[in-house]
Amino acid sequence: ERSVFAEGDERLVELAVAAGLDADDA
């Protein structure tokens, strides 16, 4: 339900972390 577009960079950082990436790198 949550948008990948409307919530800004932190939403993408959250998804990057969920995929195993480091938050600071993202």
mmCIF file of all heavy atoms, coordinates in Angstrom:
data_MODEL
# 
_entry.id   MODEL 
# 
loop_
_atom_site.group_PDB 
_atom_site.id 
_atom_site.type_symbol 
_atom_site.label_atom_id 
_atom_site.label_alt_id 
_atom_site.label_comp_id 
_atom_site.label_asym_id 
_atom_site.label_entity_id 
_atom_site.label_seq_id 
_atom_site.pdbx_PDB_ins_code 
_atom_site.Cartn_x 
_atom_site.Cartn_y 
_atom_site.Cartn_z 
_atom_site.occupancy 
_atom_site.B_iso_or_equiv 
_atom_site.pdbx_formal_charge 
_atom_site.auth_seq_id 
_atom_site.auth_comp_id 
_atom_site.auth_asym_id 
_atom_site.auth_atom_id 
_atom_site.pdbx_PDB_model_num 
ATOM 1   N N   . GLU A 1 1  ? 0.813  -1.211 0.000  1.00 0.00 ? 1  GLU A N   1 
ATOM 2   C CA  . GLU A 1 1  ? 0.000  0.000  0.000  1.00 0.00 ? 1  GLU A CA  1 
ATOM 3   C C   . GLU A 1 1  ? 0.851  1.268  0.000  1.00 0.00 ? 1  GLU A C   1 
ATOM 4   O O   . GLU A 1 1  ? 0.468  2.270  -0.598 1.00 0.00 ? 1  GLU A O   1 
ATOM 5   C CB  . GLU A 1 1  ? -0.943 -0.001 1.205  1.00 0.00 ? 1  GLU A CB  1 
ATOM 6   C CG  . GLU A 1 1  ? -2.040 -1.042 1.107  1.00 0.00 ? 1  GLU A CG  1 
ATOM 7   C CD  . GLU A 1 1  ? -3.076 -0.869 2.201  1.00 0.00 ? 1  GLU A CD  1 
ATOM 8   O OE1 . GLU A 1 1  ? -3.071 0.178  2.876  1.00 0.00 ? 1  GLU A OE1 1 
ATOM 9   O OE2 . GLU A 1 1  ? -3.890 -1.786 2.387  1.00 0.00 ? 1  GLU A OE2 1 
ATOM 10  N N   . ARG A 1 2  ? 1.986  1.236  0.649  1.00 0.00 ? 2  ARG A N   1 
ATOM 11  C CA  . ARG A 1 2  ? 2.831  2.434  0.709  1.00 0.00 ? 2  ARG A CA  1 
ATOM 12  C C   . ARG A 1 2  ? 3.494  2.692  -0.641 1.00 0.00 ? 2  ARG A C   1 
ATOM 13  O O   . ARG A 1 2  ? 3.946  1.775  -1.318 1.00 0.00 ? 2  ARG A O   1 
ATOM 14  C CB  . ARG A 1 2  ? 3.894  2.283  1.785  1.00 0.00 ? 2  ARG A CB  1 
ATOM 15  C CG  . ARG A 1 2  ? 3.356  2.274  3.206  1.00 0.00 ? 2  ARG A CG  1 
ATOM 16  C CD  . ARG A 1 2  ? 4.473  2.022  4.196  1.00 0.00 ? 2  ARG A CD  1 
ATOM 17  N NE  . ARG A 1 2  ? 5.495  3.065  4.114  1.00 0.00 ? 2  ARG A NE  1 
ATOM 18  C CZ  . ARG A 1 2  ? 6.696  2.953  4.681  1.00 0.00 ? 2  ARG A CZ  1 
ATOM 19  N NH1 . ARG A 1 2  ? 7.032  1.846  5.332  1.00 0.00 ? 2  ARG A NH1 1 
ATOM 20  N NH2 . ARG A 1 2  ? 7.563  3.948  4.583  1.00 0.00 ? 2  ARG A NH2 1 
ATOM 21  N N   . SER A 1 3  ? 3.576  3.954  -1.009 1.00 0.00 ? 3  SER A N   1 
ATOM 22  C CA  . SER A 1 3  ? 4.164  4.342  -2.281 1.00 0.00 ? 3  SER A CA  1 
ATOM 23  C C   . SER A 1 3  ? 5.690  4.259  -2.243 1.00 0.00 ? 3  SER A C   1 
ATOM 24  O O   . SER A 1 3  ? 6.314  4.539  -1.224 1.00 0.00 ? 3  SER A O   1 
ATOM 25  C CB  . SER A 1 3  ? 3.743  5.773  -2.625 1.00 0.00 ? 3  SER A CB  1 
ATOM 26  O OG  . SER A 1 3  ? 4.446  6.254  -3.754 1.00 0.00 ? 3  SER A OG  1 
ATOM 27  N N   . VAL A 1 4  ? 6.277  3.884  -3.376 1.00 0.00 ? 4  VAL A N   1 
ATOM 28  C CA  . VAL A 1 4  ? 7.731  3.953  -3.501 1.00 0.00 ? 4  VAL A CA  1 
ATOM 29  C C   . VAL A 1 4  ? 8.166  5.306  -4.057 1.00 0.00 ? 4  VAL A C   1 
ATOM 30  O O   . VAL A 1 4  ? 9.361  5.583  -4.165 1.00 0.00 ? 4  VAL A O   1 
ATOM 31  C CB  . VAL A 1 4  ? 8.279  2.827  -4.410 1.00 0.00 ? 4  VAL A CB  1 
ATOM 32  C CG1 . VAL A 1 4  ? 7.993  1.459  -3.808 1.00 0.00 ? 4  VAL A CG1 1 
ATOM 33  C CG2 . VAL A 1 4  ? 7.704  2.917  -5.821 1.00 0.00 ? 4  VAL A CG2 1 
ATOM 34  N N   . PHE A 1 5  ? 7.195  6.135  -4.415 1.00 0.00 ? 5  PHE A N   1 
ATOM 35  C CA  . PHE A 1 5  ? 7.498  7.426  -5.024 1.00 0.00 ? 5  PHE A CA  1 
ATOM 36  C C   . PHE A 1 5  ? 7.226  8.616  -4.092 1.00 0.00 ? 5  PHE A C   1 
ATOM 37  O O   . PHE A 1 5  ? 7.974  9.591  -4.097 1.00 0.00 ? 5  PHE A O   1 
ATOM 38  C CB  . PHE A 1 5  ? 6.663  7.621  -6.298 1.00 0.00 ? 5  PHE A CB  1 
ATOM 39  C CG  . PHE A 1 5  ? 6.871  6.563  -7.331 1.00 0.00 ? 5  PHE A CG  1 
ATOM 40  C CD1 . PHE A 1 5  ? 5.916  5.569  -7.533 1.00 0.00 ? 5  PHE A CD1 1 
ATOM 41  C CD2 . PHE A 1 5  ? 8.017  6.538  -8.108 1.00 0.00 ? 5  PHE A CD2 1 
ATOM 42  C CE1 . PHE A 1 5  ? 6.099  4.592  -8.492 1.00 0.00 ? 5  PHE A CE1 1 
ATOM 43  C CE2 . PHE A 1 5  ? 8.216  5.555  -9.060 1.00 0.00 ? 5  PHE A CE2 1 
ATOM 44  C CZ  . PHE A 1 5  ? 7.252  4.584  -9.255 1.00 0.00 ? 5  PHE A CZ  1 
ATOM 45  N N   . ALA A 1 6  ? 6.179  8.550  -3.326 1.00 0.00 ? 6  ALA A N   1 
ATOM 46  C CA  . ALA A 1 6  ? 5.672  9.736  -2.634 1.00 0.00 ? 6  ALA A CA  1 
ATOM 47  C C   . ALA A 1 6  ? 6.308  10.005 -1.275 1.00 0.00 ? 6  ALA A C   1 
ATOM 48  O O   . ALA A 1 6  ? 6.121  11.081 -0.719 1.00 0.00 ? 6  ALA A O   1 
ATOM 49  C CB  . ALA A 1 6  ? 4.154  9.617  -2.465 1.00 0.00 ? 6  ALA A CB  1 
ATOM 50  N N   . GLU A 1 7  ? 7.052  9.057  -0.725 1.00 0.00 ? 7  GLU A N   1 
ATOM 51  C CA  . GLU A 1 7  ? 7.569  9.221  0.631  1.00 0.00 ? 7  GLU A CA  1 
ATOM 52  C C   . GLU A 1 7  ? 9.022  9.677  0.682  1.00 0.00 ? 7  GLU A C   1 
ATOM 53  O O   . GLU A 1 7  ? 9.628  9.713  1.754  1.00 0.00 ? 7  GLU A O   1 
ATOM 54  C CB  . GLU A 1 7  ? 7.394  7.923  1.419  1.00 0.00 ? 7  GLU A CB  1 
ATOM 55  C CG  . GLU A 1 7  ? 5.930  7.544  1.625  1.00 0.00 ? 7  GLU A CG  1 
ATOM 56  C CD  . GLU A 1 7  ? 5.777  6.375  2.568  1.00 0.00 ? 7  GLU A CD  1 
ATOM 57  O OE1 . GLU A 1 7  ? 6.646  6.181  3.440  1.00 0.00 ? 7  GLU A OE1 1 
ATOM 58  O OE2 . GLU A 1 7  ? 4.779  5.643  2.424  1.00 0.00 ? 7  GLU A OE2 1 
ATOM 59  N N   . GLY A 1 8  ? 9.628  9.995  -0.457 1.00 0.00 ? 8  GLY A N   1 
ATOM 60  C CA  . GLY A 1 8  ? 10.983 10.525 -0.453 1.00 0.00 ? 8  GLY A CA  1 
ATOM 61  C C   . GLY A 1 8  ? 12.061 9.460  -0.349 1.00 0.00 ? 8  GLY A C   1 
ATOM 62  O O   . GLY A 1 8  ? 11.792 8.253  -0.390 1.00 0.00 ? 8  GLY A O   1 
ATOM 63  N N   . ASP A 1 9  ? 13.298 9.923  -0.170 1.00 0.00 ? 9  ASP A N   1 
ATOM 64  C CA  . ASP A 1 9  ? 14.462 9.037  -0.193 1.00 0.00 ? 9  ASP A CA  1 
ATOM 65  C C   . ASP A 1 9  ? 14.445 8.009  0.935  1.00 0.00 ? 9  ASP A C   1 
ATOM 66  O O   . ASP A 1 9  ? 14.938 6.888  0.765  1.00 0.00 ? 9  ASP A O   1 
ATOM 67  C CB  . ASP A 1 9  ? 15.745 9.858  -0.108 1.00 0.00 ? 9  ASP A CB  1 
ATOM 68  C CG  . ASP A 1 9  ? 16.029 10.631 -1.393 1.00 0.00 ? 9  ASP A CG  1 
ATOM 69  O OD1 . ASP A 1 9  ? 15.311 10.403 -2.389 1.00 0.00 ? 9  ASP A OD1 1 
ATOM 70  O OD2 . ASP A 1 9  ? 16.965 11.452 -1.397 1.00 0.00 ? 9  ASP A OD2 1 
ATOM 71  N N   . GLU A 1 10 ? 13.926 8.375  2.100  1.00 0.00 ? 10 GLU A N   1 
ATOM 72  C CA  . GLU A 1 10 ? 13.966 7.439  3.219  1.00 0.00 ? 10 GLU A CA  1 
ATOM 73  C C   . GLU A 1 10 ? 13.165 6.170  2.945  1.00 0.00 ? 10 GLU A C   1 
ATOM 74  O O   . GLU A 1 10 ? 13.477 5.107  3.470  1.00 0.00 ? 10 GLU A O   1 
ATOM 75  C CB  . GLU A 1 10 ? 13.495 8.117  4.502  1.00 0.00 ? 10 GLU A CB  1 
ATOM 76  C CG  . GLU A 1 10 ? 14.558 8.987  5.158  1.00 0.00 ? 10 GLU A CG  1 
ATOM 77  C CD  . GLU A 1 10 ? 15.873 8.242  5.420  1.00 0.00 ? 10 GLU A CD  1 
ATOM 78  O OE1 . GLU A 1 10 ? 15.836 7.189  6.102  1.00 0.00 ? 10 GLU A OE1 1 
ATOM 79  O OE2 . GLU A 1 10 ? 16.920 8.693  4.930  1.00 0.00 ? 10 GLU A OE2 1 
ATOM 80  N N   . ARG A 1 11 ? 12.129 6.267  2.141  1.00 0.00 ? 11 ARG A N   1 
ATOM 81  C CA  . ARG A 1 11 ? 11.386 5.065  1.753  1.00 0.00 ? 11 ARG A CA  1 
ATOM 82  C C   . ARG A 1 11 ? 12.291 4.142  0.936  1.00 0.00 ? 11 ARG A C   1 
ATOM 83  O O   . ARG A 1 11 ? 12.304 2.919  1.136  1.00 0.00 ? 11 ARG A O   1 
ATOM 84  C CB  . ARG A 1 11 ? 10.147 5.454  0.943  1.00 0.00 ? 11 ARG A CB  1 
ATOM 85  C CG  . ARG A 1 11 ? 9.386  4.285  0.310  1.00 0.00 ? 11 ARG A CG  1 
ATOM 86  C CD  . ARG A 1 11 ? 8.774  3.368  1.333  1.00 0.00 ? 11 ARG A CD  1 
ATOM 87  N NE  . ARG A 1 11 ? 7.801  2.463  0.719  1.00 0.00 ? 11 ARG A NE  1 
ATOM 88  C CZ  . ARG A 1 11 ? 7.599  1.224  1.124  1.00 0.00 ? 11 ARG A CZ  1 
ATOM 89  N NH1 . ARG A 1 11 ? 8.300  0.732  2.134  1.00 0.00 ? 11 ARG A NH1 1 
ATOM 90  N NH2 . ARG A 1 11 ? 6.692  0.463  0.531  1.00 0.00 ? 11 ARG A NH2 1 
ATOM 91  N N   . LEU A 1 12 ? 13.068 4.710  0.032  1.00 0.00 ? 12 LEU A N   1 
ATOM 92  C CA  . LEU A 1 12 ? 13.993 3.901  -0.766 1.00 0.00 ? 12 LEU A CA  1 
ATOM 93  C C   . LEU A 1 12 ? 15.109 3.337  0.094  1.00 0.00 ? 12 LEU A C   1 
ATOM 94  O O   . LEU A 1 12 ? 15.554 2.197  -0.117 1.00 0.00 ? 12 LEU A O   1 
ATOM 95  C CB  . LEU A 1 12 ? 14.567 4.734  -1.913 1.00 0.00 ? 12 LEU A CB  1 
ATOM 96  C CG  . LEU A 1 12 ? 13.559 5.226  -2.958 1.00 0.00 ? 12 LEU A CG  1 
ATOM 97  C CD1 . LEU A 1 12 ? 14.292 5.942  -4.089 1.00 0.00 ? 12 LEU A CD1 1 
ATOM 98  C CD2 . LEU A 1 12 ? 12.724 4.070  -3.515 1.00 0.00 ? 12 LEU A CD2 1 
ATOM 99  N N   . VAL A 1 13 ? 15.580 4.106  1.062  1.00 0.00 ? 13 VAL A N   1 
ATOM 100 C CA  . VAL A 1 13 ? 16.603 3.595  1.984  1.00 0.00 ? 13 VAL A CA  1 
ATOM 101 C C   . VAL A 1 13 ? 16.049 2.399  2.753  1.00 0.00 ? 13 VAL A C   1 
ATOM 102 O O   . VAL A 1 13 ? 16.724 1.376  2.923  1.00 0.00 ? 13 VAL A O   1 
ATOM 103 C CB  . VAL A 1 13 ? 17.065 4.698  2.952  1.00 0.00 ? 13 VAL A CB  1 
ATOM 104 C CG1 . VAL A 1 13 ? 17.963 4.106  4.059  1.00 0.00 ? 13 VAL A CG1 1 
ATOM 105 C CG2 . VAL A 1 13 ? 17.807 5.793  2.206  1.00 0.00 ? 13 VAL A CG2 1 
ATOM 106 N N   . GLU A 1 14 ? 14.818 2.524  3.225  1.00 0.00 ? 14 GLU A N   1 
ATOM 107 C CA  . GLU A 1 14 ? 14.171 1.427  3.952  1.00 0.00 ? 14 GLU A CA  1 
ATOM 108 C C   . GLU A 1 14 ? 14.115 0.165  3.100  1.00 0.00 ? 14 GLU A C   1 
ATOM 109 O O   . GLU A 1 14 ? 14.397 -0.946 3.585  1.00 0.00 ? 14 GLU A O   1 
ATOM 110 C CB  . GLU A 1 14 ? 12.760 1.871  4.345  1.00 0.00 ? 14 GLU A CB  1 
ATOM 111 C CG  . GLU A 1 14 ? 11.906 0.799  4.988  1.00 0.00 ? 14 GLU A CG  1 
ATOM 112 C CD  . GLU A 1 14 ? 10.464 1.263  5.141  1.00 0.00 ? 14 GLU A CD  1 
ATOM 113 O OE1 . GLU A 1 14 ? 10.243 2.378  5.638  1.00 0.00 ? 14 GLU A OE1 1 
ATOM 114 O OE2 . GLU A 1 14 ? 9.559  0.493  4.754  1.00 0.00 ? 14 GLU A OE2 1 
ATOM 115 N N   . LEU A 1 15 ? 13.761 0.320  1.830  1.00 0.00 ? 15 LEU A N   1 
ATOM 116 C CA  . LEU A 1 15 ? 13.683 -0.841 0.940  1.00 0.00 ? 15 LEU A CA  1 
ATOM 117 C C   . LEU A 1 15 ? 15.065 -1.398 0.642  1.00 0.00 ? 15 LEU A C   1 
ATOM 118 O O   . LEU A 1 15 ? 15.237 -2.625 0.534  1.00 0.00 ? 15 LEU A O   1 
ATOM 119 C CB  . LEU A 1 15 ? 12.962 -0.449 -0.343 1.00 0.00 ? 15 LEU A CB  1 
ATOM 120 C CG  . LEU A 1 15 ? 11.480 -0.076 -0.169 1.00 0.00 ? 15 LEU A CG  1 
ATOM 121 C CD1 . LEU A 1 15 ? 10.925 0.526  -1.453 1.00 0.00 ? 15 LEU A CD1 1 
ATOM 122 C CD2 . LEU A 1 15 ? 10.666 -1.289 0.260  1.00 0.00 ? 15 LEU A CD2 1 
ATOM 123 N N   . ALA A 1 16 ? 16.053 -0.520 0.512  1.00 0.00 ? 16 ALA A N   1 
ATOM 124 C CA  . ALA A 1 16 ? 17.428 -0.979 0.290  1.00 0.00 ? 16 ALA A CA  1 
ATOM 125 C C   . ALA A 1 16 ? 17.911 -1.818 1.468  1.00 0.00 ? 16 ALA A C   1 
ATOM 126 O O   . ALA A 1 16 ? 18.547 -2.870 1.286  1.00 0.00 ? 16 ALA A O   1 
ATOM 127 C CB  . ALA A 1 16 ? 18.343 0.216  0.059  1.00 0.00 ? 16 ALA A CB  1 
ATOM 128 N N   . VAL A 1 17 ? 17.619 -1.371 2.670  1.00 0.00 ? 17 VAL A N   1 
ATOM 129 C CA  . VAL A 1 17 ? 18.008 -2.122 3.869  1.00 0.00 ? 17 VAL A CA  1 
ATOM 130 C C   . VAL A 1 17 ? 17.299 -3.474 3.908  1.00 0.00 ? 17 VAL A C   1 
ATOM 131 O O   . VAL A 1 17 ? 17.898 -4.502 4.250  1.00 0.00 ? 17 VAL A O   1 
ATOM 132 C CB  . VAL A 1 17 ? 17.706 -1.295 5.135  1.00 0.00 ? 17 VAL A CB  1 
ATOM 133 C CG1 . VAL A 1 17 ? 17.877 -2.152 6.396  1.00 0.00 ? 17 VAL A CG1 1 
ATOM 134 C CG2 . VAL A 1 17 ? 18.614 -0.069 5.203  1.00 0.00 ? 17 VAL A CG2 1 
ATOM 135 N N   . ALA A 1 18 ? 16.030 -3.488 3.527  1.00 0.00 ? 18 ALA A N   1 
ATOM 136 C CA  . ALA A 1 18 ? 15.273 -4.749 3.495  1.00 0.00 ? 18 ALA A CA  1 
ATOM 137 C C   . ALA A 1 18 ? 15.896 -5.748 2.523  1.00 0.00 ? 18 ALA A C   1 
ATOM 138 O O   . ALA A 1 18 ? 15.763 -6.965 2.698  1.00 0.00 ? 18 ALA A O   1 
ATOM 139 C CB  . ALA A 1 18 ? 13.828 -4.478 3.112  1.00 0.00 ? 18 ALA A CB  1 
ATOM 140 N N   . ALA A 1 19 ? 16.575 -5.226 1.508  1.00 0.00 ? 19 ALA A N   1 
ATOM 141 C CA  . ALA A 1 19 ? 17.223 -6.087 0.513  1.00 0.00 ? 19 ALA A CA  1 
ATOM 142 C C   . ALA A 1 19 ? 18.657 -6.439 0.890  1.00 0.00 ? 19 ALA A C   1 
ATOM 143 O O   . ALA A 1 19 ? 19.346 -7.111 0.117  1.00 0.00 ? 19 ALA A O   1 
ATOM 144 C CB  . ALA A 1 19 ? 17.207 -5.408 -0.852 1.00 0.00 ? 19 ALA A CB  1 
ATOM 145 N N   . GLY A 1 20 ? 19.103 -5.980 2.060  1.00 0.00 ? 20 GLY A N   1 
ATOM 146 C CA  . GLY A 1 20 ? 20.432 -6.358 2.531  1.00 0.00 ? 20 GLY A CA  1 
ATOM 147 C C   . GLY A 1 20 ? 21.523 -5.330 2.332  1.00 0.00 ? 20 GLY A C   1 
ATOM 148 O O   . GLY A 1 20 ? 22.701 -5.623 2.549  1.00 0.00 ? 20 GLY A O   1 
ATOM 149 N N   . LEU A 1 21 ? 21.158 -4.110 1.934  1.00 0.00 ? 21 LEU A N   1 
ATOM 150 C CA  . LEU A 1 21 ? 22.151 -3.054 1.740  1.00 0.00 ? 21 LEU A CA  1 
ATOM 151 C C   . LEU A 1 21 ? 22.315 -2.228 3.007  1.00 0.00 ? 21 LEU A C   1 
ATOM 152 O O   . LEU A 1 21 ? 21.436 -2.194 3.878  1.00 0.00 ? 21 LEU A O   1 
ATOM 153 C CB  . LEU A 1 21 ? 21.751 -2.146 0.576  1.00 0.00 ? 21 LEU A CB  1 
ATOM 154 C CG  . LEU A 1 21 ? 21.706 -2.783 -0.802 1.00 0.00 ? 21 LEU A CG  1 
ATOM 155 C CD1 . LEU A 1 21 ? 21.206 -1.778 -1.834 1.00 0.00 ? 21 LEU A CD1 1 
ATOM 156 C CD2 . LEU A 1 21 ? 23.060 -3.322 -1.213 1.00 0.00 ? 21 LEU A CD2 1 
ATOM 157 N N   . ASP A 1 22 ? 23.439 -1.547 3.096  1.00 0.00 ? 22 ASP A N   1 
ATOM 158 C CA  . ASP A 1 22 ? 23.697 -0.663 4.220  1.00 0.00 ? 22 ASP A CA  1 
ATOM 159 C C   . ASP A 1 22 ? 22.954 0.663  4.029  1.00 0.00 ? 22 ASP A C   1 
ATOM 160 O O   . ASP A 1 22 ? 22.996 1.241  2.939  1.00 0.00 ? 22 ASP A O   1 
ATOM 161 C CB  . ASP A 1 22 ? 25.206 -0.402 4.338  1.00 0.00 ? 22 ASP A CB  1 
ATOM 162 C CG  . ASP A 1 22 ? 25.540 0.514  5.492  1.00 0.00 ? 22 ASP A CG  1 
ATOM 163 O OD1 . ASP A 1 22 ? 25.555 0.054  6.638  1.00 0.00 ? 22 ASP A OD1 1 
ATOM 164 O OD2 . ASP A 1 22 ? 25.771 1.724  5.226  1.00 0.00 ? 22 ASP A OD2 1 
ATOM 165 N N   . ALA A 1 23 ? 22.296 1.137  5.082  1.00 0.00 ? 23 ALA A N   1 
ATOM 166 C CA  . ALA A 1 23 ? 21.496 2.353  4.979  1.00 0.00 ? 23 ALA A CA  1 
ATOM 167 C C   . ALA A 1 23 ? 22.346 3.558  4.599  1.00 0.00 ? 23 ALA A C   1 
ATOM 168 O O   . ALA A 1 23 ? 21.937 4.386  3.763  1.00 0.00 ? 23 ALA A O   1 
ATOM 169 C CB  . ALA A 1 23 ? 20.771 2.615  6.299  1.00 0.00 ? 23 ALA A CB  1 
ATOM 170 N N   . ASP A 1 24 ? 23.518 3.680  5.183  1.00 0.00 ? 24 ASP A N   1 
ATOM 171 C CA  . ASP A 1 24 ? 24.373 4.833  4.876  1.00 0.00 ? 24 ASP A CA  1 
ATOM 172 C C   . ASP A 1 24 ? 24.849 4.807  3.430  1.00 0.00 ? 24 ASP A C   1 
ATOM 173 O O   . ASP A 1 24 ? 24.944 5.860  2.781  1.00 0.00 ? 24 ASP A O   1 
ATOM 174 C CB  . ASP A 1 24 ? 25.577 4.871  5.824  1.00 0.00 ? 24 ASP A CB  1 
ATOM 175 C CG  . ASP A 1 24 ? 25.185 5.274  7.244  1.00 0.00 ? 24 ASP A CG  1 
ATOM 176 O OD1 . ASP A 1 24 ? 24.109 5.895  7.405  1.00 0.00 ? 24 ASP A OD1 1 
ATOM 177 O OD2 . ASP A 1 24 ? 25.945 4.967  8.178  1.00 0.00 ? 24 ASP A OD2 1 
ATOM 178 N N   . ASP A 1 25 ? 25.155 3.617  2.921  1.00 0.00 ? 25 ASP A N   1 
ATOM 179 C CA  . ASP A 1 25 ? 25.558 3.508  1.511  1.00 0.00 ? 25 ASP A CA  1 
ATOM 180 C C   . ASP A 1 25 ? 24.427 3.972  0.600  1.00 0.00 ? 25 ASP A C   1 
ATOM 181 O O   . ASP A 1 25 ? 24.656 4.690  -0.383 1.00 0.00 ? 25 ASP A O   1 
ATOM 182 C CB  . ASP A 1 25 ? 25.925 2.062  1.169  1.00 0.00 ? 25 ASP A CB  1 
ATOM 183 C CG  . ASP A 1 25 ? 27.239 1.617  1.780  1.00 0.00 ? 25 ASP A CG  1 
ATOM 184 O OD1 . ASP A 1 25 ? 28.027 2.492  2.210  1.00 0.00 ? 25 ASP A OD1 1 
ATOM 185 O OD2 . ASP A 1 25 ? 27.482 0.395  1.827  1.00 0.00 ? 25 ASP A OD2 1 
ATOM 186 N N   . ALA A 1 26 ? 23.212 3.563  0.915  1.00 0.00 ? 26 ALA A N   1 
ATOM 187 C CA  . ALA A 1 26 ? 22.061 3.961  0.093  1.00 0.00 ? 26 ALA A CA  1 
ATOM 188 C C   . ALA A 1 26 ? 21.836 5.464  0.173  1.00 0.00 ? 26 ALA A C   1 
ATOM 189 O O   . ALA A 1 26 ? 21.569 6.115  -0.842 1.00 0.00 ? 26 ALA A O   1 
ATOM 190 C CB  . ALA A 1 26 ? 20.816 3.209  0.540  1.00 0.00 ? 26 ALA A CB  1 
# 
